[in-house]
N, C-alpha and C. Protein backbone atom coordinates (compact mmCIF):
# COMPACT_ATOMS: atom_id res chain seq x y z
N MET A 1 125.63 77.75 114.67
CA MET A 1 125.71 79.31 114.93
C MET A 1 124.23 79.77 114.96
N ARG A 2 123.89 80.55 115.93
CA ARG A 2 122.53 81.13 116.03
C ARG A 2 122.56 82.61 115.76
N GLY A 3 121.46 83.09 115.38
CA GLY A 3 121.29 84.51 115.17
C GLY A 3 121.40 84.92 113.64
N ALA A 4 121.09 86.11 113.47
CA ALA A 4 121.01 86.62 112.10
C ALA A 4 122.43 87.14 111.67
N LEU A 5 122.80 86.86 110.43
CA LEU A 5 123.98 87.35 109.89
C LEU A 5 123.65 88.28 108.56
N PRO A 6 123.70 89.50 108.68
CA PRO A 6 123.33 90.37 107.60
C PRO A 6 124.29 90.04 106.35
N THR A 7 123.53 90.32 105.20
CA THR A 7 124.24 90.21 103.88
C THR A 7 125.38 91.25 103.82
N SER A 8 125.41 92.35 104.49
CA SER A 8 126.47 93.30 104.52
C SER A 8 127.83 92.74 105.13
N LYS A 9 127.68 91.71 105.85
CA LYS A 9 128.93 91.12 106.53
C LYS A 9 129.69 90.11 105.60
N ASN A 10 129.01 89.78 104.43
CA ASN A 10 129.65 88.95 103.51
C ASN A 10 130.68 89.75 102.78
N THR A 11 131.93 89.56 102.97
CA THR A 11 132.99 90.19 102.38
C THR A 11 133.07 89.95 100.78
N PHE A 12 132.45 89.01 100.32
CA PHE A 12 132.47 88.68 98.83
C PHE A 12 131.52 89.31 98.10
N ILE A 13 130.68 90.18 98.77
CA ILE A 13 129.55 90.90 97.95
C ILE A 13 129.94 92.29 97.96
N ASP A 14 129.93 92.88 96.71
CA ASP A 14 130.31 94.26 96.55
C ASP A 14 129.29 95.23 97.32
N PRO A 15 129.76 96.14 98.00
CA PRO A 15 128.83 96.99 98.81
C PRO A 15 128.03 97.92 97.85
N VAL A 16 128.44 98.20 96.66
CA VAL A 16 127.68 98.92 95.72
C VAL A 16 126.41 98.10 95.33
N ALA A 17 126.72 96.86 95.13
CA ALA A 17 125.63 95.96 94.64
C ALA A 17 124.62 95.81 95.81
N LEU A 18 124.97 95.81 97.02
CA LEU A 18 124.13 95.78 98.04
C LEU A 18 123.20 97.01 98.23
N ALA A 19 123.91 98.14 97.95
CA ALA A 19 123.16 99.35 98.06
C ALA A 19 122.15 99.47 96.94
N GLU A 20 122.40 98.88 95.78
CA GLU A 20 121.46 98.82 94.64
C GLU A 20 120.39 97.94 95.07
N LEU A 21 120.62 96.86 95.64
CA LEU A 21 119.50 95.93 96.15
C LEU A 21 118.59 96.61 97.07
N GLU A 22 119.16 97.20 98.07
CA GLU A 22 118.39 97.84 99.14
C GLU A 22 117.61 99.00 98.50
N ALA A 23 118.06 99.71 97.65
CA ALA A 23 117.17 100.78 96.91
C ALA A 23 116.07 100.10 96.27
N ARG A 24 116.08 99.01 95.82
CA ARG A 24 115.03 98.31 95.01
C ARG A 24 114.06 97.76 95.96
N TYR A 25 114.39 97.26 97.06
CA TYR A 25 113.57 96.48 98.07
C TYR A 25 112.78 97.50 98.93
N ASP A 26 111.62 96.94 99.27
CA ASP A 26 110.81 97.77 100.25
C ASP A 26 111.41 97.35 101.51
N GLU A 27 110.92 98.07 102.54
CA GLU A 27 111.66 98.02 103.91
C GLU A 27 111.45 96.53 104.51
N LYS A 28 110.39 96.02 104.40
CA LYS A 28 110.10 94.62 105.09
C LYS A 28 111.08 93.53 104.37
N PHE A 29 111.03 93.63 102.86
CA PHE A 29 111.78 92.74 102.16
C PHE A 29 113.32 93.00 102.45
N ALA A 30 113.77 94.12 102.53
CA ALA A 30 115.26 94.47 102.79
C ALA A 30 115.63 93.94 104.25
N ARG A 31 114.73 94.09 105.18
CA ARG A 31 115.04 93.45 106.50
C ARG A 31 115.14 91.99 106.38
N GLN A 32 114.37 91.39 105.72
CA GLN A 32 114.48 89.85 105.57
C GLN A 32 115.70 89.38 104.70
N GLU A 33 115.79 89.96 103.51
CA GLU A 33 116.76 89.45 102.65
C GLU A 33 118.22 90.15 102.86
N LEU A 34 118.34 91.26 103.29
CA LEU A 34 119.62 91.77 103.52
C LEU A 34 120.14 91.86 104.93
N TYR A 35 119.10 91.89 105.81
CA TYR A 35 119.56 92.02 107.26
C TYR A 35 119.43 90.73 108.06
N GLY A 36 118.89 89.71 107.46
CA GLY A 36 118.83 88.49 108.06
C GLY A 36 117.68 88.27 109.20
N GLU A 37 116.78 89.18 109.13
CA GLU A 37 115.67 89.32 109.99
C GLU A 37 114.56 88.35 109.69
N PHE A 38 113.88 87.73 110.48
CA PHE A 38 112.74 86.92 110.32
C PHE A 38 111.54 87.81 110.24
N VAL A 39 110.90 88.14 109.23
CA VAL A 39 109.92 89.10 109.05
C VAL A 39 108.47 88.36 108.68
N VAL A 40 107.56 88.67 109.29
CA VAL A 40 106.21 88.05 109.11
C VAL A 40 105.42 88.91 108.09
N PHE A 41 105.01 88.44 106.87
CA PHE A 41 104.36 89.11 105.77
C PHE A 41 102.81 88.82 106.10
N GLU A 42 102.22 89.49 106.90
CA GLU A 42 100.89 89.34 107.22
C GLU A 42 99.92 90.38 106.32
N GLY A 43 98.67 89.96 106.34
CA GLY A 43 97.64 90.87 105.62
C GLY A 43 97.63 90.51 104.12
N ALA A 44 97.50 91.54 103.46
CA ALA A 44 97.41 91.42 101.94
C ALA A 44 98.56 90.79 101.31
N VAL A 45 98.33 89.93 100.38
CA VAL A 45 99.39 89.13 99.64
C VAL A 45 100.44 90.04 99.14
N TYR A 46 99.96 91.08 98.41
CA TYR A 46 100.93 92.10 97.94
C TYR A 46 100.80 93.31 98.82
N PHE A 47 101.57 93.36 99.98
CA PHE A 47 101.27 94.39 100.91
C PHE A 47 101.75 95.74 100.49
N THR A 48 102.66 95.77 99.37
CA THR A 48 103.18 97.04 98.90
C THR A 48 102.39 97.60 97.83
N PHE A 49 101.28 96.92 97.36
CA PHE A 49 100.47 97.34 96.26
C PHE A 49 99.53 98.50 96.78
N ASN A 50 99.56 99.61 95.87
CA ASN A 50 98.64 100.65 96.32
C ASN A 50 97.93 100.95 94.99
N ARG A 51 96.64 100.77 94.98
CA ARG A 51 95.78 100.84 93.75
C ARG A 51 96.12 102.23 93.08
N THR A 52 96.06 103.34 93.79
CA THR A 52 96.28 104.61 93.04
C THR A 52 97.66 104.66 92.45
N GLU A 53 98.63 104.36 93.18
CA GLU A 53 100.11 104.45 92.60
C GLU A 53 100.31 103.37 91.57
N ASN A 54 99.87 102.23 91.68
CA ASN A 54 100.10 101.06 90.66
C ASN A 54 99.20 101.05 89.57
N SER A 55 97.98 101.54 89.73
CA SER A 55 97.11 101.30 88.51
C SER A 55 96.16 102.43 88.28
N GLY A 56 95.92 103.20 89.30
CA GLY A 56 94.99 104.26 89.15
C GLY A 56 93.66 104.04 88.47
N ASP A 57 93.05 104.94 87.74
CA ASP A 57 91.88 104.70 87.09
C ASP A 57 91.89 103.81 85.82
N MET A 58 93.14 103.58 85.40
CA MET A 58 93.32 102.80 84.11
C MET A 58 92.74 101.42 84.36
N ALA A 59 93.06 100.84 85.53
CA ALA A 59 92.69 99.49 85.81
C ALA A 59 91.19 99.25 85.46
N LEU A 60 90.34 100.19 85.91
CA LEU A 60 88.95 100.16 85.68
C LEU A 60 88.54 100.44 84.27
N ARG A 61 89.27 101.18 83.52
CA ARG A 61 88.95 101.65 82.17
C ARG A 61 89.29 100.45 81.18
N VAL A 62 90.46 99.82 81.38
CA VAL A 62 90.89 98.79 80.36
C VAL A 62 90.40 97.44 80.65
N ALA A 63 90.00 97.07 81.77
CA ALA A 63 89.69 95.63 82.20
C ALA A 63 88.12 95.55 81.82
N GLN A 64 87.80 95.39 80.63
CA GLN A 64 86.43 95.13 80.13
C GLN A 64 86.28 93.84 79.45
N TYR A 65 85.21 93.06 79.83
CA TYR A 65 84.93 91.84 79.20
C TYR A 65 84.91 91.84 77.77
N GLU A 66 85.63 91.00 76.96
CA GLU A 66 85.64 90.92 75.50
C GLU A 66 85.13 89.55 75.24
N PRO A 67 83.93 89.37 74.69
CA PRO A 67 83.36 88.07 74.49
C PRO A 67 84.10 87.17 73.42
N HIS A 68 84.91 87.75 72.58
CA HIS A 68 85.63 87.04 71.60
C HIS A 68 86.90 86.50 72.08
N ARG A 69 87.42 86.81 73.25
CA ARG A 69 88.54 86.34 73.82
C ARG A 69 88.33 85.24 74.83
N PRO A 70 89.31 84.35 74.99
CA PRO A 70 89.11 83.24 76.05
C PRO A 70 89.18 83.87 77.39
N ILE A 71 88.57 83.21 78.37
CA ILE A 71 88.64 83.49 79.73
C ILE A 71 89.76 82.69 80.40
N TRP A 72 90.55 83.43 81.20
CA TRP A 72 91.45 82.74 82.17
C TRP A 72 90.80 82.85 83.65
N LEU A 73 90.39 81.57 83.96
CA LEU A 73 89.71 81.47 85.23
C LEU A 73 90.75 81.16 86.23
N CYS A 74 91.10 81.90 87.23
CA CYS A 74 92.06 81.60 88.21
C CYS A 74 91.42 81.24 89.58
N CYS A 75 91.44 80.02 90.05
CA CYS A 75 90.58 79.59 91.11
C CYS A 75 91.36 79.28 92.40
N ASP A 76 91.01 79.84 93.48
CA ASP A 76 91.60 79.38 94.82
C ASP A 76 90.53 78.62 95.44
N PHE A 77 90.74 77.37 95.70
CA PHE A 77 89.71 76.35 96.10
C PHE A 77 89.39 76.42 97.61
N ASN A 78 89.72 77.43 98.28
CA ASN A 78 89.34 77.58 99.62
C ASN A 78 87.82 77.62 99.77
N ILE A 79 87.36 77.19 101.03
CA ILE A 79 85.88 77.05 101.27
C ILE A 79 85.40 78.54 101.83
N ASP A 80 86.10 79.12 102.56
CA ASP A 80 85.81 80.37 103.15
C ASP A 80 87.05 81.36 103.28
N PRO A 81 87.13 82.11 102.27
CA PRO A 81 86.36 82.47 101.23
C PRO A 81 86.74 81.61 99.96
N MET A 82 85.84 81.38 99.13
CA MET A 82 86.19 80.86 97.69
C MET A 82 86.43 82.16 96.90
N ALA A 83 87.62 82.31 96.25
CA ALA A 83 87.95 83.47 95.58
C ALA A 83 88.57 83.06 94.26
N TRP A 84 87.93 83.60 93.15
CA TRP A 84 88.35 83.39 91.91
C TRP A 84 88.50 84.76 91.12
N ILE A 85 89.54 84.78 90.27
CA ILE A 85 89.69 85.91 89.48
C ILE A 85 89.40 85.54 87.84
N VAL A 86 88.57 86.31 87.22
CA VAL A 86 88.17 86.04 85.87
C VAL A 86 89.05 87.12 85.09
N ALA A 87 89.99 86.54 84.16
CA ALA A 87 90.90 87.43 83.42
C ALA A 87 90.74 87.04 81.99
N GLN A 88 91.36 87.90 81.17
CA GLN A 88 91.50 87.68 79.79
C GLN A 88 92.81 88.22 79.19
N PRO A 89 93.41 87.47 78.22
CA PRO A 89 94.56 87.89 77.72
C PRO A 89 94.34 89.01 76.65
N GLY A 90 95.33 89.83 76.49
CA GLY A 90 95.09 90.96 75.55
C GLY A 90 96.45 91.52 75.00
N VAL A 91 96.38 92.54 74.14
CA VAL A 91 97.68 93.15 73.72
C VAL A 91 97.33 94.63 73.86
N ASN A 92 98.36 95.24 74.51
CA ASN A 92 98.36 96.79 74.80
C ASN A 92 98.52 97.39 73.34
N GLU A 93 97.61 98.21 72.91
CA GLU A 93 97.63 98.76 71.62
C GLU A 93 98.82 99.78 71.45
N GLN A 94 99.24 100.48 72.59
CA GLN A 94 100.32 101.30 72.41
C GLN A 94 101.70 100.73 72.47
N THR A 95 101.93 99.70 73.34
CA THR A 95 103.18 99.12 73.47
C THR A 95 103.28 97.83 72.63
N LYS A 96 102.25 97.27 72.33
CA LYS A 96 102.17 95.91 71.62
C LYS A 96 102.55 94.79 72.44
N LEU A 97 102.70 94.97 73.77
CA LEU A 97 103.04 93.88 74.68
C LEU A 97 101.79 93.11 75.08
N LYS A 98 101.99 91.89 75.37
CA LYS A 98 100.87 91.03 75.89
C LYS A 98 100.59 91.45 77.29
N GLU A 99 99.37 91.44 77.61
CA GLU A 99 98.81 91.86 78.99
C GLU A 99 97.76 90.83 79.51
N VAL A 100 97.54 90.80 80.65
CA VAL A 100 96.49 90.10 81.23
C VAL A 100 95.56 91.06 82.00
N TYR A 101 94.20 91.08 81.64
CA TYR A 101 93.27 91.91 82.16
C TYR A 101 92.50 91.27 83.26
N ALA A 102 92.37 91.55 84.46
CA ALA A 102 91.44 90.97 85.47
C ALA A 102 90.06 91.86 85.34
N ILE A 103 89.10 90.94 84.84
CA ILE A 103 87.85 91.64 84.47
C ILE A 103 86.68 91.40 85.48
N ASP A 104 87.00 90.39 86.56
CA ASP A 104 85.92 90.20 87.42
C ASP A 104 86.54 89.33 88.57
N GLU A 105 85.76 89.29 89.71
CA GLU A 105 86.13 88.53 90.83
C GLU A 105 84.88 87.72 91.28
N ILE A 106 85.12 86.56 91.58
CA ILE A 106 84.09 85.78 92.29
C ILE A 106 84.55 85.56 93.69
N TYR A 107 83.86 86.05 94.62
CA TYR A 107 84.19 85.97 96.05
C TYR A 107 83.11 85.50 96.79
N MET A 108 83.06 84.30 97.35
CA MET A 108 81.96 83.80 98.01
C MET A 108 82.38 83.22 99.39
N ARG A 109 81.54 83.41 100.47
CA ARG A 109 81.78 82.98 101.85
C ARG A 109 81.10 81.59 101.96
N ASN A 110 81.80 80.74 102.62
CA ASN A 110 81.27 79.30 102.95
C ASN A 110 80.66 78.73 101.70
N ALA A 111 81.47 78.59 100.70
CA ALA A 111 80.95 78.04 99.39
C ALA A 111 81.88 76.89 98.84
N ASN A 112 81.30 76.09 97.95
CA ASN A 112 82.16 75.02 97.35
C ASN A 112 82.28 75.40 96.05
N THR A 113 83.04 74.66 95.32
CA THR A 113 83.48 74.82 93.92
C THR A 113 82.14 74.76 92.94
N ILE A 114 81.25 74.03 93.38
CA ILE A 114 79.93 73.93 92.46
C ILE A 114 79.20 75.27 92.56
N ASP A 115 79.19 75.81 93.82
CA ASP A 115 78.55 77.10 93.97
C ASP A 115 79.28 78.18 93.08
N ALA A 116 80.60 78.17 93.17
CA ALA A 116 81.42 79.22 92.38
C ALA A 116 81.24 79.04 90.91
N CYS A 117 81.11 77.68 90.43
CA CYS A 117 80.91 77.47 89.07
C CYS A 117 79.59 77.88 88.53
N GLU A 118 78.54 77.70 89.31
CA GLU A 118 77.20 78.21 89.02
C GLU A 118 77.09 79.86 88.96
N GLU A 119 77.95 80.40 90.00
CA GLU A 119 77.99 81.83 89.87
C GLU A 119 78.72 82.29 88.54
N PHE A 120 79.74 81.70 88.15
CA PHE A 120 80.39 82.06 87.02
C PHE A 120 79.63 81.83 85.80
N LYS A 121 78.91 80.65 85.68
CA LYS A 121 77.99 80.51 84.53
C LYS A 121 76.86 81.55 84.48
N SER A 122 76.35 81.98 85.67
CA SER A 122 75.37 83.03 85.68
C SER A 122 75.88 84.46 85.14
N ARG A 123 77.19 84.67 85.31
CA ARG A 123 77.77 85.87 84.93
C ARG A 123 78.11 85.88 83.40
N TYR A 124 78.54 84.72 82.87
CA TYR A 124 79.10 84.65 81.58
C TYR A 124 78.35 83.42 80.90
N PRO A 125 77.02 83.37 80.86
CA PRO A 125 76.16 82.35 80.28
C PRO A 125 76.40 82.10 78.65
N ASN A 126 76.95 83.08 77.98
CA ASN A 126 77.04 82.84 76.56
C ASN A 126 78.46 82.88 76.11
N HIS A 127 79.44 82.70 76.95
CA HIS A 127 80.71 82.80 76.67
C HIS A 127 81.21 81.47 75.96
N ASN A 128 81.69 81.71 74.68
CA ASN A 128 82.06 80.47 73.76
C ASN A 128 83.39 80.59 73.29
N ALA A 129 84.29 81.48 73.71
CA ALA A 129 85.67 81.79 73.22
C ALA A 129 86.54 80.84 73.90
N GLY A 130 86.25 79.95 74.82
CA GLY A 130 87.16 79.20 75.53
C GLY A 130 87.45 79.54 76.94
N ILE A 131 87.82 78.59 77.75
CA ILE A 131 88.17 78.89 79.21
C ILE A 131 89.26 78.15 79.51
N VAL A 132 90.28 78.83 80.10
CA VAL A 132 91.50 78.17 80.53
C VAL A 132 91.50 78.30 82.14
N LEU A 133 91.57 77.13 82.75
CA LEU A 133 91.30 77.04 84.16
C LEU A 133 92.77 76.77 84.88
N TYR A 134 92.94 77.77 85.77
CA TYR A 134 94.17 77.68 86.59
C TYR A 134 93.62 77.46 88.04
N GLY A 135 94.17 76.38 88.69
CA GLY A 135 93.73 76.20 90.15
C GLY A 135 95.00 76.27 91.03
N ASP A 136 94.70 76.53 92.38
CA ASP A 136 95.86 76.54 93.19
C ASP A 136 96.32 75.12 93.62
N ALA A 137 97.33 74.96 94.25
CA ALA A 137 98.00 73.60 94.54
C ALA A 137 96.99 72.69 95.27
N THR A 138 96.20 73.20 96.16
CA THR A 138 95.20 72.41 96.92
C THR A 138 94.18 71.87 95.96
N GLY A 139 93.88 72.40 94.86
CA GLY A 139 92.97 71.98 93.87
C GLY A 139 93.25 70.63 93.45
N LYS A 140 94.43 70.18 93.51
CA LYS A 140 94.99 68.86 93.10
C LYS A 140 94.83 67.86 94.18
N ALA A 141 94.52 68.34 95.33
CA ALA A 141 94.55 67.44 96.56
C ALA A 141 93.45 66.37 96.26
N ARG A 142 93.82 65.21 96.91
CA ARG A 142 92.91 63.92 96.80
C ARG A 142 92.21 63.78 98.09
N HIS A 143 92.51 64.61 99.14
CA HIS A 143 91.99 64.36 100.41
C HIS A 143 91.21 65.44 100.97
N THR A 144 90.39 66.03 100.15
CA THR A 144 89.55 67.19 100.55
C THR A 144 88.47 66.63 101.38
N SER A 145 87.90 67.55 102.19
CA SER A 145 86.72 67.19 103.04
C SER A 145 85.36 67.11 102.17
N SER A 146 85.41 67.54 101.14
CA SER A 146 84.15 67.61 100.26
C SER A 146 84.64 67.11 98.79
N LYS A 147 83.67 66.35 98.24
CA LYS A 147 83.85 65.86 96.87
C LYS A 147 83.73 67.05 95.87
N HIS A 148 83.37 68.14 96.23
CA HIS A 148 83.21 69.33 95.36
C HIS A 148 84.26 70.38 95.50
N HIS A 149 85.54 69.84 95.80
CA HIS A 149 86.55 70.87 95.77
C HIS A 149 87.81 70.51 94.94
N LYS A 150 87.65 69.36 94.43
CA LYS A 150 88.91 68.83 93.66
C LYS A 150 88.93 69.48 92.30
N LEU A 151 90.07 69.85 91.78
CA LEU A 151 90.27 70.43 90.38
C LEU A 151 89.72 69.55 89.35
N GLU A 152 90.03 68.19 89.58
CA GLU A 152 89.69 67.16 88.59
C GLU A 152 88.19 67.01 88.29
N ASP A 153 87.42 67.40 89.34
CA ASP A 153 85.90 67.34 89.19
C ASP A 153 85.37 68.40 88.24
N HIS A 154 86.15 69.39 87.79
CA HIS A 154 85.62 70.56 87.13
C HIS A 154 86.35 70.79 85.83
N ARG A 155 87.02 69.78 85.37
CA ARG A 155 87.90 70.08 84.09
C ARG A 155 86.85 70.09 82.76
N GLU A 156 85.63 69.46 82.94
CA GLU A 156 84.81 69.49 81.83
C GLU A 156 83.90 70.72 81.85
């Protein structure tokens, strides 16, 4: 059978539940998940994110470097661009919930991992509270074109 079969045609799914799902989904996601369309999600990874609506000024006020907290270094090992997020764990004082604060970004064109490590060290030269390294799946690859892109090379 070829073609799209929308979820609404499934007689075993409650129409009220479908309406609730559709109300929660953005337009693109609903077209894909409920109407069986092939949707291309191009551009920003989180295309529905709106800085003003989702974080406003608060994101810039609370995301401050805290030297006594560990750094969570989230690394995307692409060559162009090399993009890393520097984050720290914390606790929201009002809600007492654990949170993650993105405090910095390392974004470099036509760079390798050594270049990004040097940039990180120049920004946080005296950080002694520990670093947790998170790498993308390609960071585990053993067939990269450069010896300076493997996650194993930078665990120390």
